[in-house]
Amino acid sequence: MAHTESLWPRLADLPLVVESCEYERLHAVLAHEFERVTTHVRLAGGGVEGVGEDVSVHVEDGTSLHEARPALPLAGVWTLAGFCDHLATLDPWPRPPEWEAARRYRTWAFESAALDLALRQAGRSLHDALGLEPRPVRFVNSLGLGEQPSIEHVRRRLARSPGVRFKLDAEATWAPALVDEVAATGAVDTIDFKGRYGFEVEDPAALGALYDRVLAAFPDAYLEDPHDLPEIARRLGAHVERVSYDAPIHTADDIGATSPPGRVVNVKPSRIGSLRELFEVYARCARERRPMYGGGMGELGVGRGQIELLAALFHADAPNDVAPSAYNEDAPAGELPGSPLTPRPDAVGFRWAA
């Protein structure tokens, strides 16, 4: 049953003892030889440890947590809500980040670690504390089709994992024949236009033609983050039920405030940043009966399992962009897990069992 009121009060008063904080560098080479670096935040207290993951930095420029190692005044006896309120008064950045949104990603690392620690100190799991039952998680593999767009990326992944479904990053350089080839796979659930990152549209006519091709070829796919342009809004007028938003969603108040209008929400915990606000987003979507699906930010460690766990609790049967991290590699070693993922929450804490 969907909960139309926030479940945050079920967690807010959890006791929390923090004695120390450590940072751990994570590194991997992903698809297209992209080097990804993230940081584990490790909060310890009472003989146990809570872990979160900071995904805010793409280049090691001295601002990552494992480089800067900020000595924040986190030690103390708190409630979970009190810790989060205290955290909001601190600045864990040695200098302002390049992107203001990165502050939310870093906040999520500390708050998710604190939630994990509080639950472990209480000897409880997240699903027990919330009164929810985790369900098998349907997921998609998020892909770009390359600088020289080709269906080969899709074909290779389908050969390796025949049942996999996709979220694809659309490009104005997609030729009509390529769109038809990809559509013929019948394996695409979401098309991401990435129209909300402030990039200049160099060729409006080519962009409009891309939307026309996508709308015709993928009549059932979600249409994520469309460009806020009058000519695009006109094209999407009959497709409100499958327009979804990710980048503009930081709080519950952002839902429904986008143009062109859309009904669907990509709930990305790290982009929201705050536990309190995350549960407000879940509640508003439930009240308004908005479809939800989950999204990640290239997590390499505990963070990926945490968003898979949240998907299992709140929107399991959706095209969740939370595929296991191996799906982000060009040539993953070993067998790839299939969708849906069998729920495997840890017996205590806020983690997906390894």
Protein backbone atom coordinates (compact mmCIF):
# COMPACT_ATOMS: atom_id res chain seq x y z
CA MET A 1 0.00 0.00 0.00
CA ALA A 2 1.34 3.45 -0.94
CA HIS A 3 1.87 5.76 2.04
CA THR A 4 0.47 9.21 1.35
CA GLU A 5 2.06 10.70 4.47
CA SER A 6 5.81 10.95 4.97
CA LEU A 7 7.44 7.99 6.73
CA TRP A 8 10.27 10.18 8.01
CA PRO A 9 8.77 10.35 11.55
CA ARG A 10 9.36 6.57 11.84
CA LEU A 11 13.11 7.24 11.57
CA ALA A 12 13.61 10.77 12.88
CA ASP A 13 13.82 9.87 16.58
CA LEU A 14 16.22 6.94 16.22
CA PRO A 15 19.04 7.38 18.78
CA LEU A 16 22.46 7.91 17.21
CA VAL A 17 25.92 7.94 18.78
CA VAL A 18 28.78 9.15 16.58
CA GLU A 19 32.35 8.72 17.79
CA SER A 20 34.41 9.09 14.61
CA CYS A 21 34.28 9.72 10.87
CA GLU A 22 36.59 8.30 8.20
CA TYR A 23 36.76 8.60 4.40
CA GLU A 24 37.62 5.91 1.85
CA ARG A 25 38.45 6.44 -1.84
CA LEU A 26 36.68 4.25 -4.43
CA HIS A 27 37.78 4.05 -8.07
CA ALA A 28 36.69 2.19 -11.21
CA VAL A 29 37.06 2.46 -14.97
CA LEU A 30 33.58 2.35 -16.49
CA ALA A 31 32.19 2.25 -20.02
CA HIS A 32 33.92 4.38 -22.68
CA GLU A 33 37.06 4.39 -20.42
CA PHE A 34 35.41 6.83 -18.04
CA GLU A 35 37.24 6.94 -14.71
CA ARG A 36 34.84 7.21 -11.79
CA VAL A 37 35.91 8.20 -8.29
CA THR A 38 33.62 8.33 -5.26
CA THR A 39 34.12 8.34 -1.48
CA HIS A 40 32.74 6.18 1.30
CA VAL A 41 31.79 8.10 4.44
CA ARG A 42 32.25 5.85 7.47
CA LEU A 43 30.62 6.96 10.72
CA ALA A 44 31.44 4.81 13.76
CA GLY A 45 29.95 4.61 17.22
CA GLY A 46 29.02 2.02 19.82
CA GLY A 47 31.17 -0.65 18.19
CA VAL A 48 29.39 -0.53 14.80
CA GLU A 49 29.80 1.46 11.60
CA GLY A 50 27.43 3.22 9.21
CA VAL A 51 28.44 3.83 5.61
CA GLY A 52 27.27 6.24 2.91
CA GLU A 53 28.72 7.20 -0.47
CA ASP A 54 29.61 10.65 -1.80
CA VAL A 55 29.12 10.93 -5.57
CA SER A 56 29.62 14.69 -5.81
CA VAL A 57 33.08 14.91 -7.44
CA HIS A 58 33.91 13.69 -10.95
CA VAL A 59 37.55 14.85 -10.98
CA GLU A 60 39.97 14.69 -8.06
CA ASP A 61 40.63 18.40 -7.73
CA GLY A 62 41.19 18.60 -3.98
CA THR A 63 37.49 18.87 -3.09
CA SER A 64 36.66 15.16 -2.77
CA LEU A 65 36.12 13.97 0.78
CA HIS A 66 39.00 11.50 0.62
CA GLU A 67 41.34 14.30 -0.47
CA ALA A 68 40.11 17.11 1.77
CA ARG A 69 39.26 14.88 4.78
CA PRO A 70 37.27 17.61 6.58
CA ALA A 71 37.40 17.28 10.36
CA LEU A 72 33.73 18.02 10.98
CA PRO A 73 32.32 18.22 14.54
CA LEU A 74 30.05 15.19 14.17
CA ALA A 75 30.82 13.32 17.41
CA GLY A 76 28.04 13.30 19.94
CA VAL A 77 24.80 11.77 21.12
CA TRP A 78 21.98 12.62 18.76
CA THR A 79 18.67 11.61 17.33
CA LEU A 80 18.88 10.94 13.59
CA ALA A 81 16.88 14.12 12.90
CA GLY A 82 19.07 16.13 15.28
CA PHE A 83 22.21 14.91 13.53
CA CYS A 84 20.79 15.87 10.13
CA ASP A 85 19.84 19.32 11.43
CA HIS A 86 23.36 19.77 12.83
CA LEU A 87 24.92 18.59 9.57
CA ALA A 88 23.00 21.32 7.72
CA THR A 89 24.94 23.96 9.72
CA LEU A 90 28.33 22.62 8.55
CA ASP A 91 30.26 23.06 5.31
CA PRO A 92 32.09 19.88 4.26
CA TRP A 93 33.67 21.59 1.23
CA PRO A 94 37.18 23.08 1.28
CA ARG A 95 35.97 25.55 -1.35
CA PRO A 96 32.63 26.01 -3.11
CA PRO A 97 31.84 23.16 -5.52
CA GLU A 98 31.70 23.80 -9.25
CA TRP A 99 28.02 22.79 -9.25
CA GLU A 100 25.77 23.90 -6.39
CA ALA A 101 23.81 20.64 -6.68
CA ALA A 102 26.93 18.80 -5.51
CA ARG A 103 26.22 20.03 -1.99
CA ARG A 104 23.11 17.83 -1.89
CA TYR A 105 25.06 14.79 -3.08
CA ARG A 106 27.51 15.23 -0.22
CA THR A 107 24.76 15.76 2.31
CA TRP A 108 23.23 12.46 1.17
CA ALA A 109 26.52 10.66 1.86
CA PHE A 110 26.54 11.78 5.49
CA GLU A 111 22.79 11.36 6.09
CA SER A 112 22.69 7.87 4.56
CA ALA A 113 25.71 6.86 6.67
CA ALA A 114 23.97 8.24 9.76
CA LEU A 115 20.78 6.29 8.96
CA ASP A 116 22.80 3.10 8.49
CA LEU A 117 24.60 3.67 11.80
CA ALA A 118 21.44 4.53 13.77
CA LEU A 119 19.67 1.40 12.51
CA ARG A 120 22.67 -0.79 13.33
CA GLN A 121 22.89 0.65 16.82
CA ALA A 122 19.18 -0.09 17.24
CA GLY A 123 19.55 -3.61 15.80
CA ARG A 124 16.91 -2.90 13.15
CA SER A 125 16.64 -2.98 9.38
CA LEU A 126 15.27 -0.11 7.31
CA HIS A 127 12.28 -2.10 6.09
CA ASP A 128 11.42 -3.09 9.67
CA ALA A 129 11.67 0.51 10.90
CA LEU A 130 9.45 1.74 8.05
CA GLY A 131 6.98 -1.14 8.23
CA LEU A 132 7.48 -1.99 4.55
CA GLU A 133 8.28 -5.23 2.74
CA PRO A 134 11.02 -5.14 0.08
CA ARG A 135 9.98 -6.49 -3.32
CA PRO A 136 11.97 -7.68 -6.36
CA VAL A 137 13.50 -4.68 -8.11
CA ARG A 138 13.06 -4.23 -11.85
CA PHE A 139 15.95 -2.28 -13.35
CA VAL A 140 17.22 -0.87 -16.63
CA ASN A 141 20.74 -0.44 -17.96
CA SER A 142 21.51 3.23 -18.67
CA LEU A 143 23.53 3.69 -21.87
CA GLY A 144 24.79 6.27 -24.30
CA LEU A 145 25.23 5.13 -27.88
CA GLY A 146 28.68 6.71 -28.26
CA GLU A 147 30.20 9.75 -29.96
CA GLN A 148 29.51 8.05 -33.27
CA PRO A 149 26.07 6.70 -32.33
CA SER A 150 25.69 3.00 -33.00
CA ILE A 151 23.38 0.19 -31.96
CA GLU A 152 26.41 -1.98 -31.19
CA HIS A 153 26.42 -0.90 -27.53
CA VAL A 154 22.86 -2.19 -27.19
CA ARG A 155 23.56 -5.38 -29.12
CA ARG A 156 26.61 -6.24 -27.02
CA ARG A 157 24.68 -5.81 -23.80
CA LEU A 158 21.71 -7.84 -25.09
CA ALA A 159 24.08 -10.63 -26.15
CA ARG A 160 25.56 -10.66 -22.65
CA SER A 161 22.26 -10.25 -20.78
CA PRO A 162 19.34 -11.12 -23.12
CA GLY A 163 16.55 -9.93 -20.84
CA VAL A 164 18.01 -6.53 -20.02
CA ARG A 165 16.04 -3.36 -20.73
CA PHE A 166 17.43 0.10 -21.32
CA LYS A 167 17.38 3.77 -20.53
CA LEU A 168 19.10 5.55 -23.43
CA ASP A 169 20.61 9.04 -23.60
CA ALA A 170 19.17 10.69 -26.71
CA GLU A 171 21.36 12.72 -29.08
CA ALA A 172 20.33 14.96 -31.96
CA THR A 173 22.89 12.99 -34.02
CA TRP A 174 20.72 9.85 -33.87
CA ALA A 175 19.92 9.01 -37.50
CA PRO A 176 16.40 7.80 -38.39
CA ALA A 177 17.75 4.35 -39.27
CA LEU A 178 19.46 4.07 -35.86
CA VAL A 179 16.25 5.03 -34.05
CA ASP A 180 14.39 2.35 -35.98
CA GLU A 181 17.07 -0.26 -35.20
CA VAL A 182 16.98 0.50 -31.49
CA ALA A 183 13.18 0.55 -31.40
CA ALA A 184 13.10 -2.86 -33.11
CA THR A 185 14.81 -4.41 -30.08
CA GLY A 186 11.67 -3.71 -28.03
CA ALA A 187 13.97 -3.27 -25.03
CA VAL A 188 13.80 0.47 -24.30
CA ASP A 189 11.83 1.77 -21.31
CA THR A 190 13.15 5.34 -21.01
CA ILE A 191 14.64 7.96 -23.31
CA ASP A 192 16.65 10.63 -21.48
CA PHE A 193 16.88 13.91 -23.41
CA LYS A 194 19.11 15.54 -20.75
CA GLY A 195 17.43 18.83 -21.50
CA ARG A 196 17.72 20.32 -17.99
CA TYR A 197 21.46 20.84 -17.56
CA GLY A 198 21.73 24.28 -19.11
CA PHE A 199 23.48 23.21 -22.31
CA GLU A 200 22.92 25.45 -25.32
CA VAL A 201 20.79 23.99 -28.11
CA GLU A 202 22.97 24.43 -31.19
CA ASP A 203 20.47 23.24 -33.80
CA PRO A 204 16.80 23.61 -32.75
CA ALA A 205 15.57 22.04 -36.00
CA ALA A 206 17.69 18.92 -35.48
CA LEU A 207 16.51 18.71 -31.87
CA GLY A 208 12.87 18.93 -32.92
CA ALA A 209 13.42 16.21 -35.51
CA LEU A 210 14.93 14.00 -32.80
CA TYR A 211 11.80 14.38 -30.65
CA ASP A 212 9.60 13.56 -33.64
CA ARG A 213 11.56 10.36 -34.32
CA VAL A 214 11.59 9.30 -30.67
CA LEU A 215 7.88 9.96 -30.12
CA ALA A 216 7.01 7.87 -33.16
CA ALA A 217 9.44 5.01 -32.52
CA PHE A 218 8.98 4.62 -28.74
CA PRO A 219 5.26 5.12 -28.05
CA ASP A 220 5.41 3.61 -24.56
CA ALA A 221 8.78 4.84 -23.24
CA TYR A 222 9.16 7.43 -20.51
CA LEU A 223 10.48 10.75 -21.87
CA GLU A 224 12.91 12.09 -19.28
CA ASP A 225 14.04 15.70 -18.82
CA PRO A 226 12.75 17.20 -22.08
CA HIS A 227 13.98 20.62 -23.12
CA ASP A 228 11.95 23.59 -21.88
CA LEU A 229 11.32 25.08 -25.33
CA PRO A 230 7.97 26.08 -26.87
CA GLU A 231 8.46 23.85 -29.91
CA ILE A 232 9.21 20.86 -27.65
CA ALA A 233 6.25 21.60 -25.37
CA ARG A 234 3.95 21.54 -28.40
CA ARG A 235 5.26 18.13 -29.40
CA LEU A 236 4.81 16.71 -25.90
CA GLY A 237 1.30 18.04 -25.28
CA ALA A 238 -0.32 14.64 -25.86
CA HIS A 239 2.34 12.74 -23.89
CA VAL A 240 2.11 14.27 -20.39
CA GLU A 241 1.49 10.86 -18.80
CA ARG A 242 4.92 9.61 -19.86
CA VAL A 243 7.01 12.77 -19.46
CA SER A 244 9.33 12.32 -16.48
CA TYR A 245 11.66 14.60 -14.57
CA ASP A 246 14.97 13.99 -12.83
CA ALA A 247 17.36 16.96 -12.84
CA PRO A 248 14.79 19.56 -11.67
CA ILE A 249 13.58 17.44 -8.71
CA HIS A 250 15.31 18.43 -5.45
CA THR A 251 12.28 18.78 -3.17
CA ALA A 252 8.64 17.74 -3.08
CA ASP A 253 7.72 21.30 -4.08
CA ASP A 254 9.54 20.83 -7.40
CA ILE A 255 7.10 18.11 -8.43
CA GLY A 256 4.52 19.49 -10.83
CA ALA A 257 6.39 22.79 -11.21
CA THR A 258 8.12 21.85 -14.45
CA SER A 259 7.41 22.89 -18.02
CA PRO A 260 6.47 21.08 -20.19
CA PRO A 261 4.26 19.33 -17.61
CA GLY A 262 4.95 15.72 -16.71
CA ARG A 263 3.44 13.07 -14.46
CA VAL A 264 6.42 10.82 -13.73
CA VAL A 265 9.25 11.36 -11.23
CA ASN A 266 12.75 9.92 -11.26
CA VAL A 267 13.46 9.82 -7.52
CA LYS A 268 17.22 10.22 -7.16
CA PRO A 269 18.11 10.21 -3.44
CA SER A 270 21.53 11.80 -3.89
CA ARG A 271 20.05 14.65 -5.95
CA ILE A 272 17.46 15.28 -3.23
CA GLY A 273 20.15 15.03 -0.57
CA SER A 274 18.00 15.02 2.56
CA LEU A 275 16.29 12.03 4.17
CA ARG A 276 13.45 14.24 5.37
CA GLU A 277 12.89 15.63 1.87
CA LEU A 278 13.23 12.21 0.22
CA PHE A 279 10.31 10.87 2.24
CA GLU A 280 8.28 13.98 1.40
CA VAL A 281 8.89 13.25 -2.29
CA TYR A 282 7.72 9.65 -1.86
CA ALA A 283 4.60 10.83 -0.02
CA ARG A 284 3.67 13.48 -2.57
CA CYS A 285 4.05 11.03 -5.45
CA ALA A 286 1.83 8.57 -3.58
CA ARG A 287 -0.83 11.21 -2.85
CA GLU A 288 -0.92 12.35 -6.47
CA ARG A 289 -0.58 8.80 -7.81
CA ARG A 290 2.47 9.74 -9.80
CA PRO A 291 4.58 6.89 -11.16
CA MET A 292 8.10 6.82 -9.70
CA TYR A 293 11.33 5.12 -10.63
CA GLY A 294 14.75 5.28 -9.02
CA GLY A 295 17.98 6.76 -10.30
CA GLY A 296 21.63 6.74 -9.33
CA MET A 297 24.78 8.76 -9.90
CA GLY A 298 27.42 6.19 -10.83
CA GLU A 299 27.81 4.76 -7.34
CA LEU A 300 30.71 2.33 -6.92
CA GLY A 301 30.13 1.15 -3.37
CA VAL A 302 27.44 0.98 -0.72
CA GLY A 303 25.44 3.77 -2.34
CA ARG A 304 24.29 1.60 -5.24
CA GLY A 305 22.83 -1.02 -2.90
CA GLN A 306 21.14 1.68 -0.84
CA ILE A 307 19.23 3.05 -3.82
CA GLU A 308 18.35 -0.51 -4.87
CA LEU A 309 16.93 -1.06 -1.38
CA LEU A 310 14.88 2.14 -1.56
CA ALA A 311 13.57 1.05 -4.96
CA ALA A 312 12.59 -2.31 -3.45
CA LEU A 313 10.55 -0.50 -0.81
CA PHE A 314 8.91 2.31 -2.80
CA HIS A 315 8.83 1.61 -6.57
CA ALA A 316 10.04 -1.92 -7.24
CA ASP A 317 8.01 -2.58 -10.39
CA ALA A 318 9.31 0.38 -12.39
CA PRO A 319 12.15 0.97 -14.88
CA ASN A 320 14.59 1.80 -12.10
CA ASP A 321 17.92 3.18 -13.27
CA VAL A 322 19.69 1.27 -10.50
CA ALA A 323 21.35 -1.59 -12.39
CA PRO A 324 24.16 -3.29 -10.45
CA SER A 325 27.42 -1.39 -10.93
CA ALA A 326 28.88 -4.05 -13.24
CA TYR A 327 26.40 -2.92 -15.90
CA ASN A 328 28.32 0.37 -16.12
CA GLU A 329 31.48 -1.40 -17.30
CA ASP A 330 32.40 -2.05 -20.95
CA ALA A 331 33.39 -5.68 -20.35
CA PRO A 332 32.12 -6.83 -16.96
CA ALA A 333 33.74 -9.91 -15.50
CA GLY A 334 31.45 -12.78 -14.56
CA GLU A 335 27.74 -13.22 -15.00
CA LEU A 336 25.52 -10.15 -14.85
CA PRO A 337 22.55 -10.30 -12.46
CA GLY A 338 19.20 -10.36 -14.19
CA SER A 339 16.17 -8.18 -13.60
CA PRO A 340 14.32 -8.19 -11.29
CA LEU A 341 16.85 -8.25 -8.45
CA THR A 342 15.92 -10.50 -5.56
CA PRO A 343 15.59 -8.36 -2.41
CA ARG A 344 18.57 -8.80 -0.12
CA PRO A 345 18.44 -6.16 2.60
CA ASP A 346 20.87 -6.58 5.48
CA ALA A 347 19.29 -7.90 8.66
CA VAL A 348 20.22 -4.59 10.31
CA GLY A 349 21.07 -1.19 8.90
CA PHE A 350 20.53 0.61 5.61
CA ARG A 351 22.36 -1.67 3.20
CA TRP A 352 21.83 -4.20 0.43
CA ALA A 353 23.66 -7.39 1.40
CA ALA A 354 26.77 -8.10 -0.70
